[in-house]
Amino acid sequence: MSLVIRKAVPADAAIIHGFIVELAVYEKAEHEVKASIEEIESSIFSANSPAKALICELNGEAIGFAVYFYNYSTWQGKKGLYLEDLYVSPRHRGLGAGKFLLRHLAQIAVEEDCGRFEWSVLDWNQPAIDFYDSVGAKAQAEWVKYRLAGDDLLNFAK
């Protein structure tokens, strides 16, 4: 067994899109996926994209991915790494690919002198919560996430 993590390239857009759809199905939110393969390609791989993507392969087959970007902490005066998505196909779970991806991202955060490495998890996703707890991540229960999107964003912006 040979797990490899590599930077995603534009030719991976369809693979990434497929993983995004699989993840959305798992999270009971398939109807919320609006991005097309073309939009994934242009939004992740354009010259000014804030996002970066990784592909995890097992013996040359893509089995998972991660999408991340940098944010900023005024309190630390440093950038942070924010993990938007981490996903491993169900038939390849249990091989350590998720931990391999997460560790790779942690190494990027350290190399880039990030003050934090953060992500969100759905409160009902106990397998993911248990996994994140197992690597020493700490839930940030004192913060409440807020979002403006869709019509709410448009109406407020007026």
Protein backbone atom coordinates (compact mmCIF):
# COMPACT_ATOMS: atom_id res chain seq x y z
CA MET A 1 0.00 0.00 0.00
CA SER A 2 1.39 3.36 -1.03
CA LEU A 3 -0.40 6.54 0.05
CA VAL A 4 0.75 9.72 -1.67
CA ILE A 5 -0.43 13.29 -1.28
CA ARG A 6 0.10 15.66 -4.16
CA LYS A 7 -0.97 19.16 -5.11
CA ALA A 8 -4.08 19.06 -7.22
CA VAL A 9 -3.86 20.30 -10.80
CA PRO A 10 -6.59 21.62 -13.12
CA ALA A 11 -7.05 18.16 -14.66
CA ASP A 12 -8.23 17.02 -11.18
CA ALA A 13 -11.31 19.28 -11.25
CA ALA A 14 -13.68 16.41 -12.12
CA ILE A 15 -12.20 14.21 -9.39
CA ILE A 16 -12.52 17.01 -6.83
CA HIS A 17 -16.08 17.70 -7.94
CA GLY A 18 -16.93 14.02 -7.54
CA PHE A 19 -15.53 14.00 -4.02
CA ILE A 20 -17.45 17.19 -3.18
CA VAL A 21 -20.69 15.54 -4.29
CA GLU A 22 -19.88 12.38 -2.28
CA LEU A 23 -19.17 14.52 0.78
CA ALA A 24 -22.40 16.46 0.32
CA VAL A 25 -24.39 13.21 0.05
CA TYR A 26 -22.77 12.01 3.30
CA GLU A 27 -23.64 15.33 4.97
CA LYS A 28 -27.24 15.07 3.71
CA ALA A 29 -26.76 18.25 1.67
CA GLU A 30 -26.36 17.10 -1.92
CA HIS A 31 -28.94 19.69 -3.01
CA GLU A 32 -26.59 22.45 -1.82
CA VAL A 33 -23.81 21.62 -4.29
CA LYS A 34 -24.10 24.30 -6.95
CA ALA A 35 -20.55 24.26 -8.35
CA SER A 36 -19.91 22.60 -11.70
CA ILE A 37 -16.68 20.91 -12.70
CA GLU A 38 -15.81 24.01 -14.71
CA GLU A 39 -16.44 26.26 -11.71
CA ILE A 40 -14.26 24.05 -9.51
CA GLU A 41 -11.49 24.28 -12.09
CA SER A 42 -11.71 28.05 -12.46
CA SER A 43 -12.23 28.81 -8.77
CA ILE A 44 -9.48 26.60 -7.35
CA PHE A 45 -6.90 26.82 -10.12
CA SER A 46 -7.13 30.43 -11.29
CA ALA A 47 -4.12 32.65 -10.71
CA ASN A 48 -5.89 34.70 -8.01
CA SER A 49 -7.65 31.82 -6.25
CA PRO A 50 -7.45 31.89 -2.46
CA ALA A 51 -8.02 28.11 -2.37
CA LYS A 52 -5.57 25.25 -2.74
CA ALA A 53 -6.32 21.56 -3.13
CA LEU A 54 -4.56 18.30 -2.38
CA ILE A 55 -5.28 14.83 -3.73
CA CYS A 56 -4.59 11.68 -1.74
CA GLU A 57 -3.80 8.65 -3.87
CA LEU A 58 -3.50 4.98 -3.08
CA ASN A 59 -1.37 3.17 -5.63
CA GLY A 60 -2.08 5.93 -8.15
CA GLU A 61 -5.86 6.05 -7.57
CA ALA A 62 -7.39 9.23 -6.12
CA ILE A 63 -9.12 8.23 -2.88
CA GLY A 64 -9.54 11.56 -1.12
CA PHE A 65 -8.95 15.28 -1.20
CA ALA A 66 -8.58 18.39 0.88
CA VAL A 67 -9.30 22.03 0.03
CA TYR A 68 -7.81 24.76 2.19
CA PHE A 69 -7.05 28.46 2.24
CA TYR A 70 -5.29 30.99 4.43
CA ASN A 71 -7.09 33.34 6.80
CA TYR A 72 -5.68 35.86 9.24
CA SER A 73 -5.68 36.34 13.01
CA THR A 74 -5.40 39.92 14.21
CA TRP A 75 -4.72 38.66 17.73
CA GLN A 76 -1.77 36.59 16.60
CA GLY A 77 -0.65 38.86 13.78
CA LYS A 78 -0.26 35.73 11.65
CA LYS A 79 -2.02 33.90 8.91
CA GLY A 80 -3.83 30.69 9.68
CA LEU A 81 -4.67 27.67 7.60
CA TYR A 82 -8.37 26.90 7.25
CA LEU A 83 -9.44 23.47 6.07
CA GLU A 84 -12.61 23.80 4.01
CA ASP A 85 -13.04 20.12 3.10
CA LEU A 86 -11.31 16.86 3.93
CA TYR A 87 -12.78 13.70 2.48
CA VAL A 88 -11.79 10.09 1.91
CA SER A 89 -14.04 7.76 -0.08
CA PRO A 90 -15.89 5.33 2.20
CA ARG A 91 -14.32 2.22 0.67
CA HIS A 92 -10.86 3.57 1.49
CA ARG A 93 -11.47 4.61 5.07
CA GLY A 94 -9.53 2.89 7.79
CA LEU A 95 -6.24 2.99 5.86
CA GLY A 96 -4.99 6.16 7.55
CA ALA A 97 -5.57 8.42 4.52
CA GLY A 98 -7.56 11.00 6.50
CA LYS A 99 -4.87 11.27 9.14
CA PHE A 100 -2.23 11.38 6.41
CA LEU A 101 -4.01 14.32 4.75
CA LEU A 102 -4.57 16.12 8.06
CA ARG A 103 -0.91 15.68 9.08
CA HIS A 104 0.23 16.94 5.67
CA LEU A 105 -1.90 20.06 6.16
CA ALA A 106 -0.49 20.54 9.67
CA GLN A 107 3.00 20.35 8.18
CA ILE A 108 2.05 23.02 5.62
CA ALA A 109 0.72 25.20 8.46
CA VAL A 110 4.00 24.82 10.36
CA GLU A 111 6.14 25.46 7.25
CA GLU A 112 4.07 28.57 6.45
CA ASP A 113 4.39 29.86 10.05
CA CYS A 114 0.62 29.76 10.57
CA GLY A 115 -0.60 30.56 14.04
CA ARG A 116 -3.61 28.24 13.69
CA PHE A 117 -4.96 25.30 11.75
CA GLU A 118 -8.75 25.30 11.93
CA TRP A 119 -11.82 23.69 10.42
CA SER A 120 -15.48 23.10 11.15
CA VAL A 121 -17.36 19.85 11.62
CA LEU A 122 -21.09 19.20 11.70
CA ASP A 123 -22.26 18.61 15.26
CA TRP A 124 -23.88 15.27 14.34
CA ASN A 125 -20.81 13.86 12.57
CA GLN A 126 -19.54 11.80 15.50
CA PRO A 127 -17.03 9.73 13.47
CA ALA A 128 -15.32 12.95 12.33
CA ILE A 129 -15.47 14.47 15.83
CA ASP A 130 -13.91 11.32 17.29
CA PHE A 131 -11.21 11.37 14.60
CA TYR A 132 -10.35 15.02 15.25
CA ASP A 133 -10.32 14.43 19.01
CA SER A 134 -7.94 11.49 18.47
CA VAL A 135 -5.31 13.72 16.84
CA GLY A 136 -5.45 16.29 19.65
CA ALA A 137 -7.66 18.92 18.00
CA LYS A 138 -9.78 20.95 20.41
CA ALA A 139 -13.39 21.92 19.76
CA GLN A 140 -13.95 25.67 20.04
CA ALA A 141 -17.36 25.62 21.71
CA GLU A 142 -17.18 29.26 22.82
CA TRP A 143 -17.44 30.50 19.22
CA VAL A 144 -20.73 30.52 17.35
CA LYS A 145 -20.45 30.42 13.58
CA TYR A 146 -22.55 32.94 11.64
CA ARG A 147 -23.26 33.07 7.93
CA LEU A 148 -24.90 35.38 5.43
CA ALA A 149 -25.61 33.65 2.11
CA GLY A 150 -28.03 33.70 -0.79
CA ASP A 151 -30.96 36.09 -0.46
CA ASP A 152 -29.98 37.03 3.09
CA LEU A 153 -26.60 38.24 1.85
CA LEU A 154 -28.11 40.07 -1.11
CA ASN A 155 -30.79 41.75 1.01
CA PHE A 156 -28.38 42.85 3.70
CA ALA A 157 -25.92 44.22 1.14
CA LYS A 158 -28.55 46.58 -0.29
